[in-house]
Amino acid sequence: MIERLERLRELGCRYVICYFPEAAYDRSGVELFEREVIPALG
């Protein structure tokens, strides 16, 4: 995921919309994204 988002940034993308279909009942995917992906791109 991180590599994919870095590549999009290199291509000029300035924002993305991520979909977490399970987020209504399981926040672990959102929390993982928040903990691992966002800091890596920051």
PDB file of N, CA and C in Angstrom:
ATOM      1  N   MET A   1       0.823  -1.187   0.000  1.00  0.00           N
ATOM      2  CA  MET A   1       0.000   0.000   0.000  1.00  0.00           C
ATOM      3  C   MET A   1       0.867   1.251   0.000  1.00  0.00           C
ATOM      4  N   ILE A   2       1.887   1.262   0.828  1.00  0.00           N
ATOM      5  CA  ILE A   2       2.740   2.449   0.919  1.00  0.00           C
ATOM      6  C   ILE A   2       3.422   2.712  -0.414  1.00  0.00           C
ATOM      7  N   GLU A   3       3.971   1.666  -1.014  1.00  0.00           N
ATOM      8  CA  GLU A   3       4.654   1.833  -2.299  1.00  0.00           C
ATOM      9  C   GLU A   3       3.696   2.328  -3.375  1.00  0.00           C
ATOM     10  N   ARG A   4       2.492   1.810  -3.359  1.00  0.00           N
ATOM     11  CA  ARG A   4       1.487   2.216  -4.347  1.00  0.00           C
ATOM     12  C   ARG A   4       1.132   3.694  -4.185  1.00  0.00           C
ATOM     13  N   LEU A   5       0.949   4.124  -2.947  1.00  0.00           N
ATOM     14  CA  LEU A   5       0.614   5.526  -2.698  1.00  0.00           C
ATOM     15  C   LEU A   5       1.793   6.451  -2.996  1.00  0.00           C
ATOM     16  N   GLU A   6       3.005   5.988  -2.720  1.00  0.00           N
ATOM     17  CA  GLU A   6       4.181   6.791  -3.077  1.00  0.00           C
ATOM     18  C   GLU A   6       4.262   6.979  -4.586  1.00  0.00           C
ATOM     19  N   ARG A   7       3.978   5.922  -5.323  1.00  0.00           N
ATOM     20  CA  ARG A   7       3.999   6.004  -6.791  1.00  0.00           C
ATOM     21  C   ARG A   7       2.943   6.983  -7.292  1.00  0.00           C
ATOM     22  N   LEU A   8       1.768   6.942  -6.727  1.00  0.00           N
ATOM     23  CA  LEU A   8       0.721   7.888  -7.114  1.00  0.00           C
ATOM     24  C   LEU A   8       1.158   9.322  -6.855  1.00  0.00           C
ATOM     25  N   ARG A   9       1.827   9.543  -5.726  1.00  0.00           N
ATOM     26  CA  ARG A   9       2.320  10.886  -5.414  1.00  0.00           C
ATOM     27  C   ARG A   9       3.351  11.327  -6.450  1.00  0.00           C
ATOM     28  N   GLU A  10       4.252  10.413  -6.827  1.00  0.00           N
ATOM     29  CA  GLU A  10       5.250  10.720  -7.852  1.00  0.00           C
ATOM     30  C   GLU A  10       4.596  11.114  -9.173  1.00  0.00           C
ATOM     31  N   LEU A  11       3.443  10.534  -9.447  1.00  0.00           N
ATOM     32  CA  LEU A  11       2.719  10.822 -10.686  1.00  0.00           C
ATOM     33  C   LEU A  11       1.875  12.088 -10.597  1.00  0.00           C
ATOM     34  N   GLY A  12       1.871  12.737  -9.428  1.00  0.00           N
ATOM     35  CA  GLY A  12       1.169  14.002  -9.283  1.00  0.00           C
ATOM     36  C   GLY A  12      -0.109  13.961  -8.472  1.00  0.00           C
ATOM     37  N   CYS A  13      -0.489  12.799  -7.978  1.00  0.00           N
ATOM     38  CA  CYS A  13      -1.698  12.688  -7.166  1.00  0.00           C
ATOM     39  C   CYS A  13      -1.463  13.374  -5.828  1.00  0.00           C
ATOM     40  N   ARG A  14      -2.384  14.208  -5.406  1.00  0.00           N
ATOM     41  CA  ARG A  14      -2.230  14.947  -4.157  1.00  0.00           C
ATOM     42  C   ARG A  14      -3.176  14.475  -3.057  1.00  0.00           C
ATOM     43  N   TYR A  15      -4.156  13.653  -3.378  1.00  0.00           N
ATOM     44  CA  TYR A  15      -5.009  13.068  -2.345  1.00  0.00           C
ATOM     45  C   TYR A  15      -5.638  11.790  -2.877  1.00  0.00           C
ATOM     46  N   VAL A  16      -6.018  10.922  -1.981  1.00  0.00           N
ATOM     47  CA  VAL A  16      -6.716   9.689  -2.331  1.00  0.00           C
ATOM     48  C   VAL A  16      -7.887   9.512  -1.375  1.00  0.00           C
ATOM     49  N   ILE A  17      -8.845   8.769  -1.811  1.00  0.00           N
ATOM     50  CA  ILE A  17      -9.969   8.394  -0.963  1.00  0.00           C
ATOM     51  C   ILE A  17      -9.860   6.890  -0.753  1.00  0.00           C
ATOM     52  N   CYS A  18      -9.707   6.485   0.486  1.00  0.00           N
ATOM     53  CA  CYS A  18      -9.577   5.067   0.812  1.00  0.00           C
ATOM     54  C   CYS A  18     -10.899   4.553   1.359  1.00  0.00           C
ATOM     55  N   TYR A  19     -11.242   3.353   0.956  1.00  0.00           N
ATOM     56  CA  TYR A  19     -12.496   2.730   1.368  1.00  0.00           C
ATOM     57  C   TYR A  19     -12.191   1.554   2.290  1.00  0.00           C
ATOM     58  N   PHE A  20     -12.757   1.581   3.459  1.00  0.00           N
ATOM     59  CA  PHE A  20     -12.611   0.504   4.429  1.00  0.00           C
ATOM     60  C   PHE A  20     -14.008  -0.065   4.681  1.00  0.00           C
ATOM     61  N   PRO A  21     -14.427  -1.058   3.906  1.00  0.00           N
ATOM     62  CA  PRO A  21     -15.811  -1.541   4.000  1.00  0.00           C
ATOM     63  C   PRO A  21     -16.177  -2.104   5.366  1.00  0.00           C
ATOM     64  N   GLU A  22     -15.204  -2.603   6.102  1.00  0.00           N
ATOM     65  CA  GLU A  22     -15.495  -3.193   7.405  1.00  0.00           C
ATOM     66  C   GLU A  22     -15.468  -2.184   8.539  1.00  0.00           C
ATOM     67  N   ALA A  23     -15.180  -0.930   8.249  1.00  0.00           N
ATOM     68  CA  ALA A  23     -14.956   0.074   9.293  1.00  0.00           C
ATOM     69  C   ALA A  23     -16.157   0.278  10.215  1.00  0.00           C
ATOM     70  N   ALA A  24     -17.344  -0.029   9.764  1.00  0.00           N
ATOM     71  CA  ALA A  24     -18.526   0.160  10.608  1.00  0.00           C
ATOM     72  C   ALA A  24     -18.524  -0.783  11.810  1.00  0.00           C
ATOM     73  N   TYR A  25     -17.895  -1.944  11.656  1.00  0.00           N
ATOM     74  CA  TYR A  25     -17.903  -2.907  12.753  1.00  0.00           C
ATOM     75  C   TYR A  25     -16.509  -3.387  13.172  1.00  0.00           C
ATOM     76  N   ASP A  26     -15.476  -3.012  12.415  1.00  0.00           N
ATOM     77  CA  ASP A  26     -14.111  -3.425  12.755  1.00  0.00           C
ATOM     78  C   ASP A  26     -13.153  -2.317  12.353  1.00  0.00           C
ATOM     79  N   ARG A  27     -12.652  -1.594  13.317  1.00  0.00           N
ATOM     80  CA  ARG A  27     -11.801  -0.431  13.048  1.00  0.00           C
ATOM     81  C   ARG A  27     -10.327  -0.793  12.860  1.00  0.00           C
ATOM     82  N   SER A  28      -9.982  -2.057  12.933  1.00  0.00           N
ATOM     83  CA  SER A  28      -8.568  -2.441  12.900  1.00  0.00           C
ATOM     84  C   SER A  28      -7.883  -2.042  11.593  1.00  0.00           C
ATOM     85  N   GLY A  29      -8.588  -2.109  10.467  1.00  0.00           N
ATOM     86  CA  GLY A  29      -7.998  -1.698   9.194  1.00  0.00           C
ATOM     87  C   GLY A  29      -7.697  -0.211   9.153  1.00  0.00           C
ATOM     88  N   VAL A  30      -8.606   0.581   9.657  1.00  0.00           N
ATOM     89  CA  VAL A  30      -8.410   2.031   9.716  1.00  0.00           C
ATOM     90  C   VAL A  30      -7.269   2.357  10.676  1.00  0.00           C
ATOM     91  N   GLU A  31      -7.240   1.681  11.805  1.00  0.00           N
ATOM     92  CA  GLU A  31      -6.181   1.925  12.782  1.00  0.00           C
ATOM     93  C   GLU A  31      -4.816   1.522  12.246  1.00  0.00           C
ATOM     94  N   LEU A  32      -4.739   0.426  11.516  1.00  0.00           N
ATOM     95  CA  LEU A  32      -3.489   0.004  10.897  1.00  0.00           C
ATOM     96  C   LEU A  32      -3.027   1.034   9.872  1.00  0.00           C
ATOM     97  N   PHE A  33      -3.946   1.518   9.059  1.00  0.00           N
ATOM     98  CA  PHE A  33      -3.638   2.551   8.071  1.00  0.00           C
ATOM     99  C   PHE A  33      -3.113   3.804   8.773  1.00  0.00           C
ATOM    100  N   GLU A  34      -3.783   4.187   9.830  1.00  0.00           N
ATOM    101  CA  GLU A  34      -3.385   5.369  10.601  1.00  0.00           C
ATOM    102  C   GLU A  34      -2.004   5.195  11.243  1.00  0.00           C
ATOM    103  N   ARG A  35      -1.736   4.016  11.731  1.00  0.00           N
ATOM    104  CA  ARG A  35      -0.492   3.748  12.457  1.00  0.00           C
ATOM    105  C   ARG A  35       0.704   3.512  11.529  1.00  0.00           C
ATOM    106  N   GLU A  36       0.492   2.875  10.388  1.00  0.00           N
ATOM    107  CA  GLU A  36       1.603   2.470   9.526  1.00  0.00           C
ATOM    108  C   GLU A  36       1.732   3.284   8.241  1.00  0.00           C
ATOM    109  N   VAL A  37       0.633   3.511   7.561  1.00  0.00           N
ATOM    110  CA  VAL A  37       0.697   4.114   6.226  1.00  0.00           C
ATOM    111  C   VAL A  37       0.861   5.628   6.291  1.00  0.00           C
ATOM    112  N   ILE A  38       0.036   6.290   7.057  1.00  0.00           N
ATOM    113  CA  ILE A  38       0.091   7.758   7.107  1.00  0.00           C
ATOM    114  C   ILE A  38       1.466   8.266   7.540  1.00  0.00           C
ATOM    115  N   PRO A  39       2.054   7.735   8.618  1.00  0.00           N
ATOM    116  CA  PRO A  39       3.390   8.220   8.986  1.00  0.00           C
ATOM    117  C   PRO A  39       4.452   7.953   7.910  1.00  0.00           C
ATOM    118  N   ALA A  40       4.334   6.845   7.214  1.00  0.00           N
ATOM    119  CA  ALA A  40       5.314   6.512   6.177  1.00  0.00           C
ATOM    120  C   ALA A  40       5.260   7.488   5.008  1.00  0.00           C
ATOM    121  N   LEU A  41       4.112   8.097   4.800  1.00  0.00           N
ATOM    122  CA  LEU A  41       3.950   9.033   3.685  1.00  0.00           C
ATOM    123  C   LEU A  41       4.165  10.476   4.111  1.00  0.00           C
ATOM    124  N   GLY A  42       4.143  10.713   5.426  1.00  0.00           N
ATOM    125  CA  GLY A  42       4.227  12.054   5.976  1.00  0.00           C
ATOM    126  C   GLY A  42       5.517  12.727   5.709  1.00  0.00           C
TER     127      GLY A  42
END
